[in-house]
Amino acid sequence: MHWSTVGYPRATDREIMDWAAANHYVVFTHDLDFGTMLALSHEAGPSVLQVRAANILPDDLGAAVVAALGQHEEDLLSGALVVVDEGRSRVRVLPI
């Protein structure tokens, strides 16, 4: 692939996960496939921050995402799946 995976519109979920792991990034997504891939892989990374809400606009969910990042920073740095919704966040340390 000639493009960087980030921003490449045809990048597969696996390519995104591999790029994030190799470059020490957290995958921030609304797509449930990333959490499933992580659980099935039994790998220790990359970390995934998954938003699960009907309305994902920053005005409605931004404060919850920022709070989850602060609350779970250490877990995300070590390897975790953090799920954020309107009312709470929860964390599962990797590997799952």
N, C-alpha and C. Protein backbone atom coordinates (compact mmCIF):
# COMPACT_ATOMS: atom_id res chain seq x y z
N MET A 1 0.84 -1.16 0.00
CA MET A 1 0.00 0.00 0.00
C MET A 1 0.90 1.24 0.00
N HIS A 2 0.58 2.21 -0.82
CA HIS A 2 1.37 3.43 -0.93
C HIS A 2 0.95 4.50 0.06
N TRP A 3 -0.25 4.44 0.55
CA TRP A 3 -0.75 5.42 1.50
C TRP A 3 -0.39 5.00 2.91
N SER A 4 -0.36 5.96 3.79
CA SER A 4 -0.36 5.62 5.21
C SER A 4 -1.74 5.06 5.51
N THR A 5 -1.82 4.07 6.37
CA THR A 5 -3.10 3.47 6.71
C THR A 5 -4.08 4.50 7.25
N VAL A 6 -3.60 5.40 8.08
CA VAL A 6 -4.48 6.42 8.65
C VAL A 6 -4.92 7.35 7.53
N GLY A 7 -6.21 7.47 7.36
CA GLY A 7 -6.77 8.33 6.32
C GLY A 7 -7.00 7.64 5.00
N TYR A 8 -6.51 6.42 4.84
CA TYR A 8 -6.72 5.70 3.59
C TYR A 8 -8.14 5.13 3.60
N PRO A 9 -9.01 5.58 2.71
CA PRO A 9 -10.42 5.19 2.77
C PRO A 9 -10.69 3.71 2.57
N ARG A 10 -9.77 2.99 1.98
CA ARG A 10 -10.00 1.56 1.75
C ARG A 10 -9.21 0.66 2.70
N ALA A 11 -8.62 1.24 3.73
CA ALA A 11 -7.87 0.44 4.70
C ALA A 11 -8.83 -0.53 5.40
N THR A 12 -8.39 -1.75 5.55
CA THR A 12 -9.21 -2.74 6.25
C THR A 12 -9.08 -2.52 7.76
N ASP A 13 -10.02 -3.08 8.49
CA ASP A 13 -9.94 -3.01 9.95
C ASP A 13 -8.63 -3.59 10.44
N ARG A 14 -8.20 -4.68 9.85
CA ARG A 14 -6.94 -5.33 10.26
C ARG A 14 -5.76 -4.41 10.01
N GLU A 15 -5.74 -3.73 8.86
CA GLU A 15 -4.64 -2.80 8.56
C GLU A 15 -4.61 -1.66 9.57
N ILE A 16 -5.77 -1.16 9.94
CA ILE A 16 -5.84 -0.09 10.93
C ILE A 16 -5.32 -0.58 12.28
N MET A 17 -5.75 -1.76 12.70
CA MET A 17 -5.30 -2.32 13.98
C MET A 17 -3.80 -2.56 13.97
N ASP A 18 -3.28 -3.11 12.89
CA ASP A 18 -1.84 -3.38 12.79
C ASP A 18 -1.04 -2.07 12.83
N TRP A 19 -1.52 -1.04 12.11
CA TRP A 19 -0.84 0.25 12.11
C TRP A 19 -0.84 0.86 13.50
N ALA A 20 -1.98 0.82 14.16
CA ALA A 20 -2.09 1.40 15.51
C ALA A 20 -1.15 0.68 16.47
N ALA A 21 -1.08 -0.64 16.39
CA ALA A 21 -0.19 -1.41 17.27
C ALA A 21 1.27 -1.06 16.99
N ALA A 22 1.65 -1.01 15.73
CA ALA A 22 3.04 -0.74 15.37
C ALA A 22 3.47 0.67 15.74
N ASN A 23 2.52 1.61 15.77
CA ASN A 23 2.84 3.01 16.02
C ASN A 23 2.40 3.50 17.39
N HIS A 24 1.94 2.58 18.23
CA HIS A 24 1.54 2.89 19.61
C HIS A 24 0.42 3.93 19.68
N TYR A 25 -0.60 3.71 18.87
CA TYR A 25 -1.78 4.58 18.86
C TYR A 25 -2.97 3.82 19.41
N VAL A 26 -3.97 4.57 19.87
CA VAL A 26 -5.24 4.01 20.32
C VAL A 26 -6.22 4.15 19.16
N VAL A 27 -6.97 3.10 18.88
CA VAL A 27 -8.01 3.16 17.86
C VAL A 27 -9.26 3.74 18.52
N PHE A 28 -9.76 4.84 18.00
CA PHE A 28 -10.96 5.52 18.50
C PHE A 28 -12.05 5.29 17.48
N THR A 29 -13.12 4.58 17.89
CA THR A 29 -14.09 4.12 16.91
C THR A 29 -15.50 4.02 17.46
N HIS A 30 -16.44 4.01 16.55
CA HIS A 30 -17.85 3.73 16.85
C HIS A 30 -18.19 2.34 16.31
N ASP A 31 -17.29 1.74 15.58
CA ASP A 31 -17.47 0.45 14.91
C ASP A 31 -17.21 -0.68 15.91
N LEU A 32 -18.20 -1.51 16.14
CA LEU A 32 -18.08 -2.60 17.11
C LEU A 32 -17.10 -3.69 16.66
N ASP A 33 -16.78 -3.72 15.38
CA ASP A 33 -15.86 -4.76 14.87
C ASP A 33 -14.49 -4.70 15.53
N PHE A 34 -14.02 -3.51 15.88
CA PHE A 34 -12.67 -3.39 16.45
C PHE A 34 -12.58 -4.06 17.82
N GLY A 35 -13.58 -3.88 18.65
CA GLY A 35 -13.60 -4.55 19.95
C GLY A 35 -13.68 -6.06 19.80
N THR A 36 -14.48 -6.51 18.84
CA THR A 36 -14.60 -7.95 18.58
C THR A 36 -13.28 -8.52 18.09
N MET A 37 -12.64 -7.82 17.15
CA MET A 37 -11.33 -8.28 16.65
C MET A 37 -10.32 -8.40 17.78
N LEU A 38 -10.32 -7.41 18.64
CA LEU A 38 -9.38 -7.39 19.76
C LEU A 38 -9.63 -8.56 20.70
N ALA A 39 -10.88 -8.81 21.01
CA ALA A 39 -11.22 -9.92 21.91
C ALA A 39 -10.85 -11.27 21.30
N LEU A 40 -11.12 -11.44 20.03
CA LEU A 40 -10.83 -12.71 19.36
C LEU A 40 -9.34 -12.94 19.15
N SER A 41 -8.57 -11.87 19.07
CA SER A 41 -7.13 -12.00 18.80
C SER A 41 -6.34 -12.39 20.04
N HIS A 42 -6.86 -12.09 21.23
CA HIS A 42 -6.16 -12.32 22.49
C HIS A 42 -4.82 -11.58 22.55
N GLU A 43 -4.70 -10.51 21.75
CA GLU A 43 -3.48 -9.70 21.73
C GLU A 43 -3.52 -8.66 22.84
N ALA A 44 -2.37 -8.11 23.16
CA ALA A 44 -2.25 -7.09 24.21
C ALA A 44 -2.35 -5.68 23.65
N GLY A 45 -2.69 -5.52 22.39
CA GLY A 45 -2.83 -4.21 21.81
C GLY A 45 -3.16 -4.28 20.36
N PRO A 46 -3.52 -3.19 19.76
CA PRO A 46 -3.53 -1.85 20.32
C PRO A 46 -4.75 -1.63 21.21
N SER A 47 -4.70 -0.59 22.01
CA SER A 47 -5.87 -0.22 22.79
C SER A 47 -6.96 0.30 21.86
N VAL A 48 -8.20 0.10 22.27
CA VAL A 48 -9.35 0.58 21.51
C VAL A 48 -10.26 1.36 22.44
N LEU A 49 -10.64 2.56 22.05
CA LEU A 49 -11.66 3.33 22.74
C LEU A 49 -12.88 3.31 21.83
N GLN A 50 -13.91 2.64 22.30
CA GLN A 50 -15.10 2.38 21.48
C GLN A 50 -16.28 3.18 22.03
N VAL A 51 -16.89 3.98 21.19
CA VAL A 51 -18.06 4.77 21.57
C VAL A 51 -19.30 3.98 21.19
N ARG A 52 -20.18 3.78 22.18
CA ARG A 52 -21.43 3.06 21.93
C ARG A 52 -22.58 3.97 22.33
N ALA A 53 -23.11 4.68 21.37
CA ALA A 53 -24.22 5.60 21.63
C ALA A 53 -24.93 5.86 20.31
N ALA A 54 -26.19 6.19 20.41
CA ALA A 54 -26.95 6.50 19.21
C ALA A 54 -26.50 7.84 18.63
N ASN A 55 -26.25 8.81 19.49
CA ASN A 55 -25.81 10.13 19.04
C ASN A 55 -24.35 10.30 19.41
N ILE A 56 -23.50 10.32 18.40
CA ILE A 56 -22.06 10.38 18.64
C ILE A 56 -21.46 11.76 18.34
N LEU A 57 -22.31 12.76 18.21
CA LEU A 57 -21.81 14.11 17.94
C LEU A 57 -21.02 14.62 19.15
N PRO A 58 -19.96 15.36 18.91
CA PRO A 58 -19.12 15.86 20.02
C PRO A 58 -19.91 16.65 21.06
N ASP A 59 -20.89 17.43 20.65
CA ASP A 59 -21.67 18.21 21.61
C ASP A 59 -22.40 17.31 22.61
N ASP A 60 -22.76 16.11 22.18
CA ASP A 60 -23.52 15.20 23.04
C ASP A 60 -22.65 14.21 23.80
N LEU A 61 -21.54 13.80 23.22
CA LEU A 61 -20.74 12.74 23.83
C LEU A 61 -19.31 13.17 24.15
N GLY A 62 -18.92 14.36 23.71
CA GLY A 62 -17.54 14.81 23.89
C GLY A 62 -17.06 14.79 25.33
N ALA A 63 -17.87 15.28 26.25
CA ALA A 63 -17.46 15.33 27.66
C ALA A 63 -17.24 13.93 28.21
N ALA A 64 -18.08 12.98 27.82
CA ALA A 64 -17.93 11.60 28.29
C ALA A 64 -16.65 10.97 27.75
N VAL A 65 -16.31 11.27 26.51
CA VAL A 65 -15.08 10.73 25.90
C VAL A 65 -13.86 11.32 26.59
N VAL A 66 -13.85 12.63 26.80
CA VAL A 66 -12.72 13.28 27.47
C VAL A 66 -12.56 12.74 28.89
N ALA A 67 -13.67 12.56 29.60
CA ALA A 67 -13.62 12.01 30.96
C ALA A 67 -13.06 10.59 30.95
N ALA A 68 -13.48 9.77 29.99
CA ALA A 68 -12.99 8.39 29.90
C ALA A 68 -11.50 8.35 29.59
N LEU A 69 -11.05 9.25 28.72
CA LEU A 69 -9.61 9.31 28.42
C LEU A 69 -8.80 9.62 29.67
N GLY A 70 -9.27 10.55 30.46
CA GLY A 70 -8.57 10.89 31.70
C GLY A 70 -8.64 9.77 32.72
N GLN A 71 -9.81 9.19 32.87
CA GLN A 71 -10.01 8.13 33.86
C GLN A 71 -9.24 6.86 33.52
N HIS A 72 -9.13 6.54 32.24
CA HIS A 72 -8.54 5.27 31.83
C HIS A 72 -7.21 5.44 31.08
N GLU A 73 -6.55 6.56 31.27
CA GLU A 73 -5.30 6.84 30.56
C GLU A 73 -4.26 5.74 30.74
N GLU A 74 -4.02 5.35 31.97
CA GLU A 74 -3.00 4.32 32.23
C GLU A 74 -3.37 3.00 31.57
N ASP A 75 -4.65 2.63 31.63
CA ASP A 75 -5.09 1.39 30.99
C ASP A 75 -4.89 1.46 29.48
N LEU A 76 -5.23 2.59 28.88
CA LEU A 76 -5.06 2.74 27.44
C LEU A 76 -3.58 2.69 27.04
N LEU A 77 -2.71 3.23 27.88
CA LEU A 77 -1.28 3.17 27.60
C LEU A 77 -0.73 1.75 27.71
N SER A 78 -1.33 0.93 28.58
CA SER A 78 -0.84 -0.44 28.77
C SER A 78 -1.52 -1.46 27.89
N GLY A 79 -2.70 -1.13 27.38
CA GLY A 79 -3.46 -2.06 26.54
C GLY A 79 -4.82 -2.35 27.15
N ALA A 80 -5.86 -1.77 26.53
CA ALA A 80 -7.21 -1.95 27.08
C ALA A 80 -8.25 -1.70 26.01
N LEU A 81 -9.42 -2.23 26.27
CA LEU A 81 -10.63 -1.89 25.51
C LEU A 81 -11.47 -1.04 26.44
N VAL A 82 -11.69 0.21 26.08
CA VAL A 82 -12.52 1.12 26.87
C VAL A 82 -13.78 1.40 26.06
N VAL A 83 -14.93 1.15 26.67
CA VAL A 83 -16.21 1.38 26.02
C VAL A 83 -16.88 2.56 26.71
N VAL A 84 -17.29 3.55 25.91
CA VAL A 84 -17.90 4.78 26.43
C VAL A 84 -19.31 4.90 25.88
N ASP A 85 -20.27 5.17 26.76
CA ASP A 85 -21.61 5.53 26.32
C ASP A 85 -22.03 6.80 27.03
N GLU A 86 -23.28 7.19 26.90
CA GLU A 86 -23.72 8.48 27.44
C GLU A 86 -23.54 8.58 28.95
N GLY A 87 -23.71 7.49 29.67
CA GLY A 87 -23.72 7.57 31.12
C GLY A 87 -22.51 7.03 31.85
N ARG A 88 -21.65 6.30 31.16
CA ARG A 88 -20.53 5.67 31.86
C ARG A 88 -19.47 5.19 30.89
N SER A 89 -18.38 4.73 31.46
CA SER A 89 -17.36 4.05 30.66
C SER A 89 -16.93 2.83 31.44
N ARG A 90 -16.45 1.84 30.72
CA ARG A 90 -15.95 0.63 31.36
C ARG A 90 -14.70 0.18 30.63
N VAL A 91 -13.86 -0.55 31.34
CA VAL A 91 -12.56 -0.92 30.79
C VAL A 91 -12.35 -2.42 30.96
N ARG A 92 -11.72 -3.01 29.94
CA ARG A 92 -11.25 -4.39 30.01
C ARG A 92 -9.78 -4.36 29.64
N VAL A 93 -8.95 -4.81 30.54
CA VAL A 93 -7.50 -4.81 30.32
C VAL A 93 -7.16 -5.96 29.38
N LEU A 94 -6.23 -5.69 28.46
CA LEU A 94 -5.82 -6.70 27.47
C LEU A 94 -4.72 -7.59 28.01
N PRO A 95 -4.59 -8.79 27.50
CA PRO A 95 -5.49 -9.42 26.52
C PRO A 95 -6.80 -9.87 27.17
N ILE A 96 -7.83 -9.91 26.33
CA ILE A 96 -9.15 -10.33 26.80
C ILE A 96 -9.28 -11.82 26.64
